[in-house]
Amino acid sequence: MSLQFGLSLPQGWNMELVGIKDPIEAYEAMARVAQTADEVGFASAWLVDHFHTTPRPTQEVTFECWTTTAALTRDTRRIRIGQTVTCNGYRNPALLAKMASTVDVLSHGRLNFGIGAGWHEHEYRGYGYDYPDTAERLRRLGEAVQVILAMWTQEEAVFEGKYYQVRGAINQPKGVQQPHIPLLIGGGGEKVTLKLVAQFADICNVYGDLETLKHKFAVLKAHCEVVGRDFESIHRTAGALCCIGATDEQAQAKFPPALDGRPLGAGALVGSPQTIRQRLTELEAIGVQELILGFPDILHTDTLRFFAHEFIT
């Protein structure tokens, strides 16, 4: 199996750190998960760009995405660190490109840069950001990725758009990866987002069950044909919840009751290694190249070691 595996880190957004009252201890718990994933062979680890907990805001810890990205690149040695995904509306894209370039150097070239249009209205309003309609947020995203690429590739970046302008911006260092930091555009919108992926991205990140993923990849391939892009040059990632146990019954006991009835990405991977292996084979067959996993018991790092023993090492 050539499928790679990424890991959604316990950043606090999904209430993963509830019960850890000391914020330093909470960060170190998250860092231990990233370090374990690094040690056992996960290809990547991912953070979300959210400010407070879901499904409802609470006073529980939620670590900020980009400062945490920078810290974790120094707390790990091999694994790639990325975002699923940075919210374009929260930071000026030229500044964001500069931040990413610096973090790529800090990581010695292990940064994946993920960005999306943004969607969490409550956070926008709470932090005082304007919340444009979906169409405008997507138009802003389209300009932002062009600004970011200009900052990564031009000596003096120039871009004149409706929403963003850069006029001779210098970005040194530009990062260490060539030709630039890998750019992930997240989302499965078929008319705009996947077209932006075909035009500009190195990595896509889509969500849904097997049939949905298969359809999204077909739409992306069609966009690639229109813009003259090699579909196979885009690294295809998807997300899924994973509950693994020695038996199907043990795995099912880990399934969070709060998630009953909620969409679970590439179909929840719930079961013994044999059961999960069958699901992974199906995902690989439709074109998924990297699966970003969320484990409900992620703070128990033995779970990561068990998964890695069965599917990575």
C-alpha atoms as a PDB file:
ATOM      1  CA  MET A   1       0.000   0.000   0.000  1.00  0.00           C
ATOM      2  CA  SER A   2       1.468   3.351  -1.063  1.00  0.00           C
ATOM      3  CA  LEU A   3      -1.122   5.425   0.799  1.00  0.00           C
ATOM      4  CA  GLN A   4       0.441   8.004   3.127  1.00  0.00           C
ATOM      5  CA  PHE A   5      -0.996   9.054   6.471  1.00  0.00           C
ATOM      6  CA  GLY A   6      -1.312  12.425   8.117  1.00  0.00           C
ATOM      7  CA  LEU A   7      -2.571  13.220  11.594  1.00  0.00           C
ATOM      8  CA  SER A   8      -4.967  15.908  12.847  1.00  0.00           C
ATOM      9  CA  LEU A   9      -3.381  17.202  16.037  1.00  0.00           C
ATOM     10  CA  PRO A  10      -5.233  17.766  19.339  1.00  0.00           C
ATOM     11  CA  GLN A  11      -5.195  21.546  19.237  1.00  0.00           C
ATOM     12  CA  GLY A  12      -8.232  22.067  21.445  1.00  0.00           C
ATOM     13  CA  TRP A  13     -10.771  23.058  18.793  1.00  0.00           C
ATOM     14  CA  ASN A  14     -12.621  19.747  19.059  1.00  0.00           C
ATOM     15  CA  MET A  15     -12.447  19.756  22.879  1.00  0.00           C
ATOM     16  CA  GLU A  16      -9.556  17.269  22.799  1.00  0.00           C
ATOM     17  CA  LEU A  17      -7.694  19.022  25.617  1.00  0.00           C
ATOM     18  CA  VAL A  18     -10.598  19.303  28.054  1.00  0.00           C
ATOM     19  CA  GLY A  19      -9.478  18.361  31.512  1.00  0.00           C
ATOM     20  CA  ILE A  20      -5.934  19.691  31.109  1.00  0.00           C
ATOM     21  CA  LYS A  21      -6.162  22.921  33.077  1.00  0.00           C
ATOM     22  CA  ASP A  22      -2.551  24.105  32.776  1.00  0.00           C
ATOM     23  CA  PRO A  23      -2.073  25.585  29.269  1.00  0.00           C
ATOM     24  CA  ILE A  24       1.618  24.658  29.282  1.00  0.00           C
ATOM     25  CA  GLU A  25       0.701  21.059  30.038  1.00  0.00           C
ATOM     26  CA  ALA A  26      -1.944  21.204  27.270  1.00  0.00           C
ATOM     27  CA  TYR A  27       0.631  22.358  24.726  1.00  0.00           C
ATOM     28  CA  GLU A  28       3.083  19.685  25.802  1.00  0.00           C
ATOM     29  CA  ALA A  29       0.378  17.025  25.455  1.00  0.00           C
ATOM     30  CA  MET A  30      -0.224  18.164  21.868  1.00  0.00           C
ATOM     31  CA  ALA A  31       3.508  18.273  21.191  1.00  0.00           C
ATOM     32  CA  ARG A  32       3.922  14.701  22.470  1.00  0.00           C
ATOM     33  CA  VAL A  33       1.342  13.540  19.948  1.00  0.00           C
ATOM     34  CA  ALA A  34       3.207  15.296  17.125  1.00  0.00           C
ATOM     35  CA  GLN A  35       6.515  13.841  18.323  1.00  0.00           C
ATOM     36  CA  THR A  36       5.041  10.338  18.482  1.00  0.00           C
ATOM     37  CA  ALA A  37       3.652  10.700  14.955  1.00  0.00           C
ATOM     38  CA  ASP A  38       7.077  11.889  13.856  1.00  0.00           C
ATOM     39  CA  GLU A  39       8.746   8.915  15.497  1.00  0.00           C
ATOM     40  CA  VAL A  40       6.445   6.200  14.131  1.00  0.00           C
ATOM     41  CA  GLY A  41       6.380   7.363  10.530  1.00  0.00           C
ATOM     42  CA  PHE A  42       3.307   9.505   9.868  1.00  0.00           C
ATOM     43  CA  ALA A  43       3.977  11.656   6.801  1.00  0.00           C
ATOM     44  CA  SER A  44       2.351  14.825   8.107  1.00  0.00           C
ATOM     45  CA  ALA A  45       0.644  16.521  11.038  1.00  0.00           C
ATOM     46  CA  TRP A  46      -2.047  19.165  10.659  1.00  0.00           C
ATOM     47  CA  LEU A  47      -3.505  22.082  12.584  1.00  0.00           C
ATOM     48  CA  VAL A  48      -6.784  23.933  12.125  1.00  0.00           C
ATOM     49  CA  ASP A  49      -7.134  27.720  12.024  1.00  0.00           C
ATOM     50  CA  HIS A  50      -9.807  28.286  14.650  1.00  0.00           C
ATOM     51  CA  PHE A  51      -9.946  30.548  17.684  1.00  0.00           C
ATOM     52  CA  HIS A  52     -12.258  28.729  20.079  1.00  0.00           C
ATOM     53  CA  THR A  53     -13.914  25.383  20.573  1.00  0.00           C
ATOM     54  CA  THR A  54     -16.636  23.649  18.584  1.00  0.00           C
ATOM     55  CA  PRO A  55     -19.509  22.691  18.450  1.00  0.00           C
ATOM     56  CA  ARG A  56     -19.999  25.583  20.871  1.00  0.00           C
ATOM     57  CA  PRO A  57     -17.618  28.264  22.128  1.00  0.00           C
ATOM     58  CA  THR A  58     -16.225  27.551  25.583  1.00  0.00           C
ATOM     59  CA  GLN A  59     -13.372  28.769  27.765  1.00  0.00           C
ATOM     60  CA  GLU A  60     -11.344  25.631  27.011  1.00  0.00           C
ATOM     61  CA  VAL A  61      -7.885  25.925  25.433  1.00  0.00           C
ATOM     62  CA  THR A  62      -7.629  26.327  21.648  1.00  0.00           C
ATOM     63  CA  PHE A  63      -4.098  27.059  20.413  1.00  0.00           C
ATOM     64  CA  GLU A  64      -3.600  29.562  17.582  1.00  0.00           C
ATOM     65  CA  CYS A  65      -2.681  27.934  14.308  1.00  0.00           C
ATOM     66  CA  TRP A  66       0.424  29.674  12.999  1.00  0.00           C
ATOM     67  CA  THR A  67       2.317  30.251  16.232  1.00  0.00           C
ATOM     68  CA  THR A  68       1.674  26.587  17.001  1.00  0.00           C
ATOM     69  CA  THR A  69       2.856  25.562  13.539  1.00  0.00           C
ATOM     70  CA  ALA A  70       6.130  27.386  14.140  1.00  0.00           C
ATOM     71  CA  ALA A  71       6.588  25.835  17.580  1.00  0.00           C
ATOM     72  CA  LEU A  72       5.881  22.297  16.417  1.00  0.00           C
ATOM     73  CA  THR A  73       8.373  22.532  13.582  1.00  0.00           C
ATOM     74  CA  ARG A  74      11.023  23.025  16.264  1.00  0.00           C
ATOM     75  CA  ASP A  75       9.637  20.239  18.456  1.00  0.00           C
ATOM     76  CA  THR A  76       9.776  17.637  15.654  1.00  0.00           C
ATOM     77  CA  ARG A  77      12.466  16.483  13.276  1.00  0.00           C
ATOM     78  CA  ARG A  78      11.068  14.694  10.210  1.00  0.00           C
ATOM     79  CA  ILE A  79       7.308  15.007   9.879  1.00  0.00           C
ATOM     80  CA  ARG A  80       5.742  17.688   7.672  1.00  0.00           C
ATOM     81  CA  ILE A  81       3.529  20.267   9.414  1.00  0.00           C
ATOM     82  CA  GLY A  82       0.553  21.919   7.707  1.00  0.00           C
ATOM     83  CA  GLN A  83      -2.841  23.548   8.167  1.00  0.00           C
ATOM     84  CA  THR A  84      -6.303  22.246   7.226  1.00  0.00           C
ATOM     85  CA  VAL A  85      -6.644  25.081   6.558  1.00  0.00           C
ATOM     86  CA  THR A  86      -5.542  28.649   7.175  1.00  0.00           C
ATOM     87  CA  CYS A  87      -8.534  31.009   6.993  1.00  0.00           C
ATOM     88  CA  ASN A  88      -7.772  33.597   4.339  1.00  0.00           C
ATOM     89  CA  GLY A  89      -9.950  36.194   6.048  1.00  0.00           C
ATOM     90  CA  TYR A  90      -7.870  36.360   9.222  1.00  0.00           C
ATOM     91  CA  ARG A  91      -4.533  37.608   7.850  1.00  0.00           C
ATOM     92  CA  ASN A  92      -3.258  39.737   5.004  1.00  0.00           C
ATOM     93  CA  PRO A  93      -1.959  37.279   2.368  1.00  0.00           C
ATOM     94  CA  ALA A  94       1.352  39.087   1.824  1.00  0.00           C
ATOM     95  CA  LEU A  95       2.064  38.915   5.549  1.00  0.00           C
ATOM     96  CA  LEU A  96       0.906  35.306   5.599  1.00  0.00           C
ATOM     97  CA  ALA A  97       3.319  34.439   2.784  1.00  0.00           C
ATOM     98  CA  LYS A  98       6.128  36.064   4.792  1.00  0.00           C
ATOM     99  CA  MET A  99       5.152  34.112   7.906  1.00  0.00           C
ATOM    100  CA  ALA A 100       5.104  30.849   5.954  1.00  0.00           C
ATOM    101  CA  SER A 101       8.489  31.553   4.392  1.00  0.00           C
ATOM    102  CA  THR A 102      10.009  32.065   7.828  1.00  0.00           C
ATOM    103  CA  VAL A 103       8.397  28.901   9.195  1.00  0.00           C
ATOM    104  CA  ASP A 104       9.689  26.913   6.230  1.00  0.00           C
ATOM    105  CA  VAL A 105      13.213  27.922   7.225  1.00  0.00           C
ATOM    106  CA  LEU A 106      12.536  27.126  10.896  1.00  0.00           C
ATOM    107  CA  SER A 107      11.337  23.673   9.861  1.00  0.00           C
ATOM    108  CA  HIS A 108      14.281  23.058   7.507  1.00  0.00           C
ATOM    109  CA  GLY A 109      11.801  22.715   4.633  1.00  0.00           C
ATOM    110  CA  ARG A 110       8.984  20.689   6.232  1.00  0.00           C
ATOM    111  CA  LEU A 111       6.077  23.120   5.858  1.00  0.00           C
ATOM    112  CA  ASN A 112       2.885  22.418   3.933  1.00  0.00           C
ATOM    113  CA  PHE A 113       0.869  25.611   3.461  1.00  0.00           C
ATOM    114  CA  GLY A 114      -2.902  25.089   3.537  1.00  0.00           C
ATOM    115  CA  ILE A 115      -5.427  27.837   2.877  1.00  0.00           C
ATOM    116  CA  GLY A 116      -9.172  28.127   2.342  1.00  0.00           C
ATOM    117  CA  ALA A 117     -11.881  30.762   2.002  1.00  0.00           C
ATOM    118  CA  GLY A 118     -13.018  30.554   5.643  1.00  0.00           C
ATOM    119  CA  TRP A 119     -16.477  29.714   6.935  1.00  0.00           C
ATOM    120  CA  HIS A 120     -16.842  30.044  10.713  1.00  0.00           C
ATOM    121  CA  GLU A 121     -19.011  33.169  10.979  1.00  0.00           C
ATOM    122  CA  HIS A 122     -19.075  33.155  14.772  1.00  0.00           C
ATOM    123  CA  GLU A 123     -15.301  33.512  14.915  1.00  0.00           C
ATOM    124  CA  TYR A 124     -15.273  36.261  12.287  1.00  0.00           C
ATOM    125  CA  ARG A 125     -17.855  38.243  14.235  1.00  0.00           C
ATOM    126  CA  GLY A 126     -16.297  37.516  17.612  1.00  0.00           C
ATOM    127  CA  TYR A 127     -12.868  38.746  16.554  1.00  0.00           C
ATOM    128  CA  GLY A 128     -14.172  41.754  14.647  1.00  0.00           C
ATOM    129  CA  TYR A 129     -13.561  40.578  11.083  1.00  0.00           C
ATOM    130  CA  ASP A 130     -15.949  41.410   8.275  1.00  0.00           C
ATOM    131  CA  TYR A 131     -17.820  38.326   7.063  1.00  0.00           C
ATOM    132  CA  PRO A 132     -18.507  38.694   3.326  1.00  0.00           C
ATOM    133  CA  ASP A 133     -20.814  36.309   1.502  1.00  0.00           C
ATOM    134  CA  THR A 134     -19.465  33.038   0.130  1.00  0.00           C
ATOM    135  CA  ALA A 135     -18.889  34.375  -3.377  1.00  0.00           C
ATOM    136  CA  GLU A 136     -16.772  37.258  -2.120  1.00  0.00           C
ATOM    137  CA  ARG A 137     -14.799  35.070   0.267  1.00  0.00           C
ATOM    138  CA  LEU A 138     -13.938  32.829  -2.685  1.00  0.00           C
ATOM    139  CA  ARG A 139     -12.951  35.814  -4.843  1.00  0.00           C
ATOM    140  CA  ARG A 140     -10.704  36.993  -2.035  1.00  0.00           C
ATOM    141  CA  LEU A 141      -9.162  33.530  -1.823  1.00  0.00           C
ATOM    142  CA  GLY A 142      -8.446  33.555  -5.551  1.00  0.00           C
ATOM    143  CA  GLU A 143      -6.556  36.830  -5.249  1.00  0.00           C
ATOM    144  CA  ALA A 144      -4.814  35.787  -2.032  1.00  0.00           C
ATOM    145  CA  VAL A 145      -3.214  32.662  -3.484  1.00  0.00           C
ATOM    146  CA  GLN A 146      -1.827  34.750  -6.350  1.00  0.00           C
ATOM    147  CA  VAL A 147      -0.353  37.225  -3.858  1.00  0.00           C
ATOM    148  CA  ILE A 148       1.191  34.374  -1.868  1.00  0.00           C
ATOM    149  CA  LEU A 149       2.729  32.748  -4.926  1.00  0.00           C
ATOM    150  CA  ALA A 150       4.083  36.110  -6.069  1.00  0.00           C
ATOM    151  CA  MET A 151       5.688  36.621  -2.654  1.00  0.00           C
ATOM    152  CA  TRP A 152       7.303  33.190  -2.884  1.00  0.00           C
ATOM    153  CA  THR A 153       8.584  33.483  -6.450  1.00  0.00           C
ATOM    154  CA  GLN A 154       9.224  37.147  -7.329  1.00  0.00           C
ATOM    155  CA  GLU A 155      12.114  39.240  -6.060  1.00  0.00           C
ATOM    156  CA  GLU A 156       9.797  42.243  -5.710  1.00  0.00           C
ATOM    157  CA  ALA A 157       6.237  40.972  -5.686  1.00  0.00           C
ATOM    158  CA  VAL A 158       3.599  42.891  -7.613  1.00  0.00           C
ATOM    159  CA  PHE A 159      -0.127  42.192  -7.674  1.00  0.00           C
ATOM    160  CA  GLU A 160      -3.038  44.540  -8.323  1.00  0.00           C
ATOM    161  CA  GLY A 161      -6.390  43.062  -7.395  1.00  0.00           C
ATOM    162  CA  LYS A 162      -9.729  44.296  -6.180  1.00  0.00           C
ATOM    163  CA  TYR A 163      -9.108  43.118  -2.631  1.00  0.00           C
ATOM    164  CA  TYR A 164      -5.319  42.887  -2.318  1.00  0.00           C
ATOM    165  CA  GLN A 165      -2.400  44.843  -3.710  1.00  0.00           C
ATOM    166  CA  VAL A 166       1.329  44.378  -3.294  1.00  0.00           C
ATOM    167  CA  ARG A 167       3.703  46.843  -4.920  1.00  0.00           C
ATOM    168  CA  GLY A 168       7.298  45.746  -4.795  1.00  0.00           C
ATOM    169  CA  ALA A 169       7.096  43.651  -1.614  1.00  0.00           C
ATOM    170  CA  ILE A 170      10.387  41.951  -0.747  1.00  0.00           C
ATOM    171  CA  ASN A 171      10.184  38.579   0.973  1.00  0.00           C
ATOM    172  CA  GLN A 172      13.503  37.225   2.222  1.00  0.00           C
ATOM    173  CA  PRO A 173      14.012  34.479   3.044  1.00  0.00           C
ATOM    174  CA  LYS A 174      11.477  32.898   0.727  1.00  0.00           C
ATOM    175  CA  GLY A 175      11.688  29.533   2.434  1.00  0.00           C
ATOM    176  CA  VAL A 176      13.902  26.630   1.455  1.00  0.00           C
ATOM    177  CA  GLN A 177      11.644  24.350  -0.594  1.00  0.00           C
ATOM    178  CA  GLN A 178      11.819  24.573  -4.371  1.00  0.00           C
ATOM    179  CA  PRO A 179      10.229  25.838  -6.501  1.00  0.00           C
ATOM    180  CA  HIS A 180       8.257  27.071  -3.459  1.00  0.00           C
ATOM    181  CA  ILE A 181       6.449  25.857  -0.351  1.00  0.00           C
ATOM    182  CA  PRO A 182       3.749  23.330  -1.339  1.00  0.00           C
ATOM    183  CA  LEU A 183       0.382  25.090  -1.545  1.00  0.00           C
ATOM    184  CA  LEU A 184      -2.764  23.253  -0.439  1.00  0.00           C
ATOM    185  CA  ILE A 185      -6.168  24.744  -1.221  1.00  0.00           C
ATOM    186  CA  GLY A 186      -8.844  23.101   0.904  1.00  0.00           C
ATOM    187  CA  GLY A 187     -12.457  22.517  -0.053  1.00  0.00           C
ATOM    188  CA  GLY A 188     -14.576  20.713  -2.592  1.00  0.00           C
ATOM    189  CA  GLY A 189     -16.590  23.506  -4.187  1.00  0.00           C
ATOM    190  CA  GLU A 190     -16.913  22.363  -7.771  1.00  0.00           C
ATOM    191  CA  LYS A 191     -17.250  25.651  -9.639  1.00  0.00           C
ATOM    192  CA  VAL A 192     -14.678  27.810  -7.872  1.00  0.00           C
ATOM    193  CA  THR A 193     -12.553  26.048  -5.250  1.00  0.00           C
ATOM    194  CA  LEU A 194     -11.544  23.032  -7.317  1.00  0.00           C
ATOM    195  CA  LYS A 195     -10.854  25.313 -10.257  1.00  0.00           C
ATOM    196  CA  LEU A 196      -8.487  27.305  -8.032  1.00  0.00           C
ATOM    197  CA  VAL A 197      -6.812  24.016  -7.090  1.00  0.00           C
ATOM    198  CA  ALA A 198      -6.309  23.204 -10.772  1.00  0.00           C
ATOM    199  CA  GLN A 199      -4.892  26.657 -11.443  1.00  0.00           C
ATOM    200  CA  PHE A 200      -2.645  27.199  -8.454  1.00  0.00           C
ATOM    201  CA  ALA A 201      -2.377  24.392  -5.881  1.00  0.00           C
ATOM    202  CA  ASP A 202       0.089  21.576  -5.355  1.00  0.00           C
ATOM    203  CA  ILE A 203      -2.224  19.717  -2.955  1.00  0.00           C
ATOM    204  CA  CYS A 204      -5.995  19.361  -2.640  1.00  0.00           C
ATOM    205  CA  ASN A 205      -7.950  18.451   0.478  1.00  0.00           C
ATOM    206  CA  VAL A 206     -11.504  17.223  -0.002  1.00  0.00           C
ATOM    207  CA  TYR A 207     -14.110  15.731   2.266  1.00  0.00           C
ATOM    208  CA  GLY A 208     -16.814  13.137   1.848  1.00  0.00           C
ATOM    209  CA  ASP A 209     -17.625   9.462   1.500  1.00  0.00           C
ATOM    210  CA  LEU A 210     -16.144   7.245  -1.206  1.00  0.00           C
ATOM    211  CA  GLU A 211     -18.563   8.255  -3.946  1.00  0.00           C
ATOM    212  CA  THR A 212     -18.247  11.941  -3.089  1.00  0.00           C
ATOM    213  CA  LEU A 213     -14.450  11.802  -3.166  1.00  0.00           C
ATOM    214  CA  LYS A 214     -14.492   9.965  -6.464  1.00  0.00           C
ATOM    215  CA  HIS A 215     -16.783  12.628  -7.931  1.00  0.00           C
ATOM    216  CA  LYS A 216     -14.684  15.523  -6.580  1.00  0.00           C
ATOM    217  CA  PHE A 217     -11.526  14.077  -8.114  1.00  0.00           C
ATOM    218  CA  ALA A 218     -13.335  13.744 -11.455  1.00  0.00           C
ATOM    219  CA  VAL A 219     -14.393  17.397 -11.280  1.00  0.00           C
ATOM    220  CA  LEU A 220     -10.838  18.435 -10.410  1.00  0.00           C
ATOM    221  CA  LYS A 221      -9.480  16.403 -13.312  1.00  0.00           C
ATOM    222  CA  ALA A 222     -11.890  18.159 -15.682  1.00  0.00           C
ATOM    223  CA  HIS A 223     -10.738  21.565 -14.425  1.00  0.00           C
ATOM    224  CA  CYS A 224      -7.128  20.480 -14.928  1.00  0.00           C
ATOM    225  CA  GLU A 225      -7.874  19.585 -18.543  1.00  0.00           C
ATOM    226  CA  VAL A 226      -9.414  23.012 -19.151  1.00  0.00           C
ATOM    227  CA  VAL A 227      -6.443  24.931 -17.701  1.00  0.00           C
ATOM    228  CA  GLY A 228      -3.789  22.608 -19.154  1.00  0.00           C
ATOM    229  CA  ARG A 229      -2.684  21.127 -15.831  1.00  0.00           C
ATOM    230  CA  ASP A 230      -1.495  17.566 -15.247  1.00  0.00           C
ATOM    231  CA  PHE A 231      -4.012  16.122 -12.786  1.00  0.00           C
ATOM    232  CA  GLU A 232      -1.380  13.734 -11.450  1.00  0.00           C
ATOM    233  CA  SER A 233       0.784  16.679 -10.397  1.00  0.00           C
ATOM    234  CA  ILE A 234      -1.732  17.491  -7.639  1.00  0.00           C
ATOM    235  CA  HIS A 235      -1.284  15.542  -4.403  1.00  0.00           C
ATOM    236  CA  ARG A 236      -4.730  14.329  -3.316  1.00  0.00           C
ATOM    237  CA  THR A 237      -5.577  14.278   0.393  1.00  0.00           C
ATOM    238  CA  ALA A 238      -8.775  13.515   2.302  1.00  0.00           C
ATOM    239  CA  GLY A 239      -9.750  13.367   5.958  1.00  0.00           C
ATOM    240  CA  ALA A 240     -11.353  10.661   8.079  1.00  0.00           C
ATOM    241  CA  LEU A 241     -12.104   9.767  11.677  1.00  0.00           C
ATOM    242  CA  CYS A 242     -10.247   6.649  12.805  1.00  0.00           C
ATOM    243  CA  CYS A 243     -11.225   4.365  15.688  1.00  0.00           C
ATOM    244  CA  ILE A 244      -8.916   1.359  15.718  1.00  0.00           C
ATOM    245  CA  GLY A 245      -8.968  -1.583  18.088  1.00  0.00           C
ATOM    246  CA  ALA A 246      -7.805  -5.166  18.257  1.00  0.00           C
ATOM    247  CA  THR A 247     -11.380  -6.135  17.343  1.00  0.00           C
ATOM    248  CA  ASP A 248     -14.267  -4.370  15.644  1.00  0.00           C
ATOM    249  CA  GLU A 249     -16.081  -4.260  18.981  1.00  0.00           C
ATOM    250  CA  GLN A 250     -13.162  -2.568  20.744  1.00  0.00           C
ATOM    251  CA  ALA A 251     -12.933   0.008  17.971  1.00  0.00           C
ATOM    252  CA  GLN A 252     -16.674   0.728  17.993  1.00  0.00           C
ATOM    253  CA  ALA A 253     -16.512   1.385  21.721  1.00  0.00           C
ATOM    254  CA  LYS A 254     -14.182   4.322  20.980  1.00  0.00           C
ATOM    255  CA  PHE A 255     -16.617   6.001  18.594  1.00  0.00           C
ATOM    256  CA  PRO A 256     -17.673   9.361  20.113  1.00  0.00           C
ATOM    257  CA  PRO A 257     -21.457   9.360  20.716  1.00  0.00           C
ATOM    258  CA  ALA A 258     -21.527  13.097  19.920  1.00  0.00           C
ATOM    259  CA  LEU A 259     -20.568  12.304  16.317  1.00  0.00           C
ATOM    260  CA  ASP A 260     -23.562  10.071  15.620  1.00  0.00           C
ATOM    261  CA  GLY A 261     -25.268  11.403  12.521  1.00  0.00           C
ATOM    262  CA  ARG A 262     -22.506  13.875  11.631  1.00  0.00           C
ATOM    263  CA  PRO A 263     -20.542  13.669   8.342  1.00  0.00           C
ATOM    264  CA  LEU A 264     -17.301  11.802   8.912  1.00  0.00           C
ATOM    265  CA  GLY A 265     -15.098  12.540   5.949  1.00  0.00           C
ATOM    266  CA  ALA A 266     -13.928   9.595   3.940  1.00  0.00           C
ATOM    267  CA  GLY A 267     -16.280   7.338   5.854  1.00  0.00           C
ATOM    268  CA  ALA A 268     -15.223   6.649   9.424  1.00  0.00           C
ATOM    269  CA  LEU A 269     -12.469   4.049   9.703  1.00  0.00           C
ATOM    270  CA  VAL A 270     -13.868   2.059  12.609  1.00  0.00           C
ATOM    271  CA  GLY A 271     -12.727  -1.454  13.281  1.00  0.00           C
ATOM    272  CA  SER A 272      -9.904  -3.911  13.602  1.00  0.00           C
ATOM    273  CA  PRO A 273      -6.816  -3.598  11.389  1.00  0.00           C
ATOM    274  CA  GLN A 274      -8.369  -6.083   8.961  1.00  0.00           C
ATOM    275  CA  THR A 275     -11.566  -4.021   8.665  1.00  0.00           C
ATOM    276  CA  ILE A 276      -9.671  -0.757   8.275  1.00  0.00           C
ATOM    277  CA  ARG A 277      -7.316  -2.247   5.697  1.00  0.00           C
ATOM    278  CA  GLN A 278     -10.257  -2.987   3.422  1.00  0.00           C
ATOM    279  CA  ARG A 279     -11.458   0.629   3.692  1.00  0.00           C
ATOM    280  CA  LEU A 280      -7.983   1.967   2.979  1.00  0.00           C
ATOM    281  CA  THR A 281      -7.731  -0.188  -0.136  1.00  0.00           C
ATOM    282  CA  GLU A 282     -11.006   1.313  -1.380  1.00  0.00           C
ATOM    283  CA  LEU A 283      -9.814   4.876  -0.725  1.00  0.00           C
ATOM    284  CA  GLU A 284      -6.524   4.269  -2.497  1.00  0.00           C
ATOM    285  CA  ALA A 285      -8.356   2.756  -5.461  1.00  0.00           C
ATOM    286  CA  ILE A 286     -10.347   5.961  -6.077  1.00  0.00           C
ATOM    287  CA  GLY A 287      -7.233   8.136  -6.005  1.00  0.00           C
ATOM    288  CA  VAL A 288      -6.641   9.240  -2.411  1.00  0.00           C
ATOM    289  CA  GLN A 289      -2.889   9.537  -1.891  1.00  0.00           C
ATOM    290  CA  GLU A 290      -2.752  10.790   1.689  1.00  0.00           C
ATOM    291  CA  LEU A 291      -5.341  10.289   4.412  1.00  0.00           C
ATOM    292  CA  ILE A 292      -5.429  12.787   7.280  1.00  0.00           C
ATOM    293  CA  LEU A 293      -6.722  10.951  10.327  1.00  0.00           C
ATOM    294  CA  GLY A 294      -8.425  12.162  13.460  1.00  0.00           C
ATOM    295  CA  PHE A 295      -8.317   9.769  16.424  1.00  0.00           C
ATOM    296  CA  PRO A 296     -10.846  10.359  19.246  1.00  0.00           C
ATOM    297  CA  ASP A 297      -8.357   8.864  21.729  1.00  0.00           C
ATOM    298  CA  ILE A 298      -5.397  10.720  20.257  1.00  0.00           C
ATOM    299  CA  LEU A 299      -3.859  11.695  23.604  1.00  0.00           C
ATOM    300  CA  HIS A 300      -3.230   7.971  24.170  1.00  0.00           C
ATOM    301  CA  THR A 301      -0.186   7.721  21.945  1.00  0.00           C
ATOM    302  CA  ASP A 302      -0.253   3.915  22.067  1.00  0.00           C
ATOM    303  CA  THR A 303      -3.113   4.186  19.559  1.00  0.00           C
ATOM    304  CA  LEU A 304      -0.806   5.941  17.093  1.00  0.00           C
ATOM    305  CA  ARG A 305       1.847   3.296  17.645  1.00  0.00           C
ATOM    306  CA  PHE A 306      -0.695   0.537  17.051  1.00  0.00           C
ATOM    307  CA  PHE A 307      -1.913   2.146  13.822  1.00  0.00           C
ATOM    308  CA  ALA A 308       1.633   2.738  12.616  1.00  0.00           C
ATOM    309  CA  HIS A 309       2.635  -0.860  13.373  1.00  0.00           C
ATOM    310  CA  GLU A 310      -0.240  -2.102  11.224  1.00  0.00           C
ATOM    311  CA  PHE A 311      -0.117   0.357   8.323  1.00  0.00           C
ATOM    312  CA  ILE A 312       3.137   2.357   8.253  1.00  0.00           C
ATOM    313  CA  THR A 313       6.145   0.485   9.623  1.00  0.00           C
END
